[in-house]
Amino acid sequence: MRFDPATLVYNDAGLIPAIAQDAASGEVLMMAWMNAESVARTLETGRVTYWSRSRQAFWVKGESSGHVQELVAFRVDCDRDCILVTVNQTGPACHTNRRSCFYTEVRDGAEVEIMAPIEA
């Protein structure tokens, strides 16, 4: 059965959440949005492509920063309303220059930064 991006369940803005996970370590790196075209581009090129809501444009991860996400696997959840991409991540995944966007943990009601930016 051939995969068709139109079979995914998108929100009212035509977007679907996409979670990026490191293929080697299993670490959750980030969450961003895709539309049907960015899904198709990701599968065609092997370079993870998101939809930037702020710029209203395609965003090929690493295109300007060099922090590339090479697609290893593309998974769809049971409701078809969320995507998991496992990737080979080059450099930090977060725009704050951290390995992961999930660098703040809540401990005993307080926010604690658990990951420092990567030194250049």
C-alpha atoms as a PDB file:
ATOM      1  CA  MET A   1       0.000   0.000   0.000  1.00  0.00           C
ATOM      2  CA  ARG A   2       1.491   3.323  -1.105  1.00  0.00           C
ATOM      3  CA  PHE A   3       1.662   6.101   1.526  1.00  0.00           C
ATOM      4  CA  ASP A   4      -0.276   9.271   0.732  1.00  0.00           C
ATOM      5  CA  PRO A   5       0.332  12.398   2.915  1.00  0.00           C
ATOM      6  CA  ALA A   6      -3.320  13.354   2.318  1.00  0.00           C
ATOM      7  CA  THR A   7      -4.362  10.410   4.513  1.00  0.00           C
ATOM      8  CA  LEU A   8      -2.919  12.106   7.604  1.00  0.00           C
ATOM      9  CA  VAL A   9      -5.147  14.115   9.940  1.00  0.00           C
ATOM     10  CA  TYR A  10      -4.160  17.789   9.871  1.00  0.00           C
ATOM     11  CA  ASN A  11      -5.471  20.564  12.133  1.00  0.00           C
ATOM     12  CA  ASP A  12      -7.587  23.471  10.876  1.00  0.00           C
ATOM     13  CA  ALA A  13      -4.403  25.236   9.711  1.00  0.00           C
ATOM     14  CA  GLY A  14      -3.427  22.205   7.617  1.00  0.00           C
ATOM     15  CA  LEU A  15      -0.628  21.217  10.010  1.00  0.00           C
ATOM     16  CA  ILE A  16       0.357  18.074  11.883  1.00  0.00           C
ATOM     17  CA  PRO A  17       2.770  17.882  14.854  1.00  0.00           C
ATOM     18  CA  ALA A  18       6.064  16.157  14.138  1.00  0.00           C
ATOM     19  CA  ILE A  19       8.332  14.921  16.907  1.00  0.00           C
ATOM     20  CA  ALA A  20      12.015  14.447  16.083  1.00  0.00           C
ATOM     21  CA  GLN A  21      13.868  11.718  17.963  1.00  0.00           C
ATOM     22  CA  ASP A  22      17.552  10.813  17.755  1.00  0.00           C
ATOM     23  CA  ALA A  23      17.766   7.456  15.977  1.00  0.00           C
ATOM     24  CA  ALA A  24      20.815   6.285  17.944  1.00  0.00           C
ATOM     25  CA  SER A  25      20.022   7.414  21.501  1.00  0.00           C
ATOM     26  CA  GLY A  26      16.216   7.641  21.468  1.00  0.00           C
ATOM     27  CA  GLU A  27      16.433  11.180  22.872  1.00  0.00           C
ATOM     28  CA  VAL A  28      13.486  13.428  21.980  1.00  0.00           C
ATOM     29  CA  LEU A  29      15.020  16.413  20.225  1.00  0.00           C
ATOM     30  CA  MET A  30      12.194  18.731  19.240  1.00  0.00           C
ATOM     31  CA  MET A  31       8.631  19.161  18.073  1.00  0.00           C
ATOM     32  CA  ALA A  32       7.650  21.209  15.031  1.00  0.00           C
ATOM     33  CA  TRP A  33       4.875  21.339  12.461  1.00  0.00           C
ATOM     34  CA  MET A  34       4.535  19.830   8.995  1.00  0.00           C
ATOM     35  CA  ASN A  35       1.970  20.213   6.274  1.00  0.00           C
ATOM     36  CA  ALA A  36       1.247  17.718   3.477  1.00  0.00           C
ATOM     37  CA  GLU A  37       3.914  19.230   1.215  1.00  0.00           C
ATOM     38  CA  SER A  38       6.638  19.204   3.902  1.00  0.00           C
ATOM     39  CA  VAL A  39       5.772  15.563   4.630  1.00  0.00           C
ATOM     40  CA  ALA A  40       6.190  14.755   0.927  1.00  0.00           C
ATOM     41  CA  ARG A  41       9.458  16.725   0.695  1.00  0.00           C
ATOM     42  CA  THR A  42      10.858  14.968   3.769  1.00  0.00           C
ATOM     43  CA  LEU A  43      10.109  11.551   2.300  1.00  0.00           C
ATOM     44  CA  GLU A  44      11.445  12.491  -1.149  1.00  0.00           C
ATOM     45  CA  THR A  45      14.715  14.097  -0.015  1.00  0.00           C
ATOM     46  CA  GLY A  46      15.567  12.388   3.283  1.00  0.00           C
ATOM     47  CA  ARG A  47      16.133  15.861   4.784  1.00  0.00           C
ATOM     48  CA  VAL A  48      13.516  16.679   7.422  1.00  0.00           C
ATOM     49  CA  THR A  49      11.424  19.609   6.240  1.00  0.00           C
ATOM     50  CA  TYR A  50       9.017  21.450   8.515  1.00  0.00           C
ATOM     51  CA  TRP A  51       6.511  24.250   7.997  1.00  0.00           C
ATOM     52  CA  SER A  52       7.486  27.459   9.804  1.00  0.00           C
ATOM     53  CA  ARG A  53       4.340  29.078  11.168  1.00  0.00           C
ATOM     54  CA  SER A  54       6.143  32.362  11.892  1.00  0.00           C
ATOM     55  CA  ARG A  55       7.706  32.661   8.426  1.00  0.00           C
ATOM     56  CA  GLN A  56       4.897  30.868   6.558  1.00  0.00           C
ATOM     57  CA  ALA A  57       7.545  28.980   4.618  1.00  0.00           C
ATOM     58  CA  PHE A  58       9.206  25.585   4.373  1.00  0.00           C
ATOM     59  CA  TRP A  59      12.065  25.065   6.799  1.00  0.00           C
ATOM     60  CA  VAL A  60      14.619  22.410   5.897  1.00  0.00           C
ATOM     61  CA  LYS A  61      16.264  21.643   9.219  1.00  0.00           C
ATOM     62  CA  GLY A  62      19.910  22.682   9.055  1.00  0.00           C
ATOM     63  CA  GLU A  63      19.660  24.568   5.769  1.00  0.00           C
ATOM     64  CA  SER A  64      21.094  27.751   7.290  1.00  0.00           C
ATOM     65  CA  SER A  65      22.577  26.478  10.582  1.00  0.00           C
ATOM     66  CA  GLY A  66      24.208  23.284   9.339  1.00  0.00           C
ATOM     67  CA  HIS A  67      22.389  21.380  12.125  1.00  0.00           C
ATOM     68  CA  VAL A  68      20.908  18.886   9.696  1.00  0.00           C
ATOM     69  CA  GLN A  69      18.326  16.214  10.450  1.00  0.00           C
ATOM     70  CA  GLU A  70      18.819  13.224   8.158  1.00  0.00           C
ATOM     71  CA  LEU A  71      15.686  11.064   8.084  1.00  0.00           C
ATOM     72  CA  VAL A  72      16.131   7.498   9.336  1.00  0.00           C
ATOM     73  CA  ALA A  73      12.466   6.493   9.779  1.00  0.00           C
ATOM     74  CA  PHE A  74       9.074   8.141   9.351  1.00  0.00           C
ATOM     75  CA  ARG A  75       6.283   6.898  11.618  1.00  0.00           C
ATOM     76  CA  VAL A  76       2.603   7.763  11.877  1.00  0.00           C
ATOM     77  CA  ASP A  77       0.686   7.326  15.128  1.00  0.00           C
ATOM     78  CA  CYS A  78      -2.492   5.229  15.464  1.00  0.00           C
ATOM     79  CA  ASP A  79      -4.830   8.216  14.982  1.00  0.00           C
ATOM     80  CA  ARG A  80      -2.757   9.477  12.026  1.00  0.00           C
ATOM     81  CA  ASP A  81      -2.627  12.933  13.663  1.00  0.00           C
ATOM     82  CA  CYS A  82       1.014  12.968  14.787  1.00  0.00           C
ATOM     83  CA  ILE A  83       4.324  12.073  13.158  1.00  0.00           C
ATOM     84  CA  LEU A  84       7.516  10.694  14.663  1.00  0.00           C
ATOM     85  CA  VAL A  85      10.670  11.151  12.635  1.00  0.00           C
ATOM     86  CA  THR A  86      13.782   9.380  13.808  1.00  0.00           C
ATOM     87  CA  VAL A  87      16.836  11.238  12.626  1.00  0.00           C
ATOM     88  CA  ASN A  88      20.585  11.421  12.542  1.00  0.00           C
ATOM     89  CA  GLN A  89      21.075  14.863  14.079  1.00  0.00           C
ATOM     90  CA  THR A  90      24.129  16.946  13.244  1.00  0.00           C
ATOM     91  CA  GLY A  91      24.803  19.522  15.975  1.00  0.00           C
ATOM     92  CA  PRO A  92      22.127  20.929  18.268  1.00  0.00           C
ATOM     93  CA  ALA A  93      18.462  20.457  17.355  1.00  0.00           C
ATOM     94  CA  CYS A  94      17.218  23.507  19.286  1.00  0.00           C
ATOM     95  CA  HIS A  95      17.477  27.093  18.062  1.00  0.00           C
ATOM     96  CA  THR A  96      18.883  27.922  21.538  1.00  0.00           C
ATOM     97  CA  ASN A  97      21.954  25.865  20.560  1.00  0.00           C
ATOM     98  CA  ARG A  98      21.038  22.989  22.872  1.00  0.00           C
ATOM     99  CA  ARG A  99      20.989  19.331  21.875  1.00  0.00           C
ATOM    100  CA  SER A 100      17.238  19.157  22.577  1.00  0.00           C
ATOM    101  CA  CYS A 101      14.436  21.696  22.882  1.00  0.00           C
ATOM    102  CA  PHE A 102      13.341  19.881  26.045  1.00  0.00           C
ATOM    103  CA  TYR A 103      15.978  21.376  28.349  1.00  0.00           C
ATOM    104  CA  THR A 104      13.683  22.645  31.106  1.00  0.00           C
ATOM    105  CA  GLU A 105      12.423  20.239  33.751  1.00  0.00           C
ATOM    106  CA  VAL A 106       9.868  20.974  36.463  1.00  0.00           C
ATOM    107  CA  ARG A 107      11.115  19.685  39.826  1.00  0.00           C
ATOM    108  CA  ASP A 108       9.182  20.266  43.029  1.00  0.00           C
ATOM    109  CA  GLY A 109       7.213  23.048  41.342  1.00  0.00           C
ATOM    110  CA  ALA A 110      10.291  24.889  40.058  1.00  0.00           C
ATOM    111  CA  GLU A 111      11.744  25.118  36.556  1.00  0.00           C
ATOM    112  CA  VAL A 112      15.276  23.766  36.322  1.00  0.00           C
ATOM    113  CA  GLU A 113      17.499  24.086  33.258  1.00  0.00           C
ATOM    114  CA  ILE A 114      18.983  20.630  32.749  1.00  0.00           C
ATOM    115  CA  MET A 115      20.968  21.234  29.564  1.00  0.00           C
ATOM    116  CA  ALA A 116      23.372  24.034  28.681  1.00  0.00           C
ATOM    117  CA  PRO A 117      23.900  25.377  25.159  1.00  0.00           C
ATOM    118  CA  ILE A 118      26.550  23.599  23.111  1.00  0.00           C
ATOM    119  CA  GLU A 119      29.765  25.591  22.899  1.00  0.00           C
ATOM    120  CA  ALA A 120      30.735  26.636  19.391  1.00  0.00           C
END
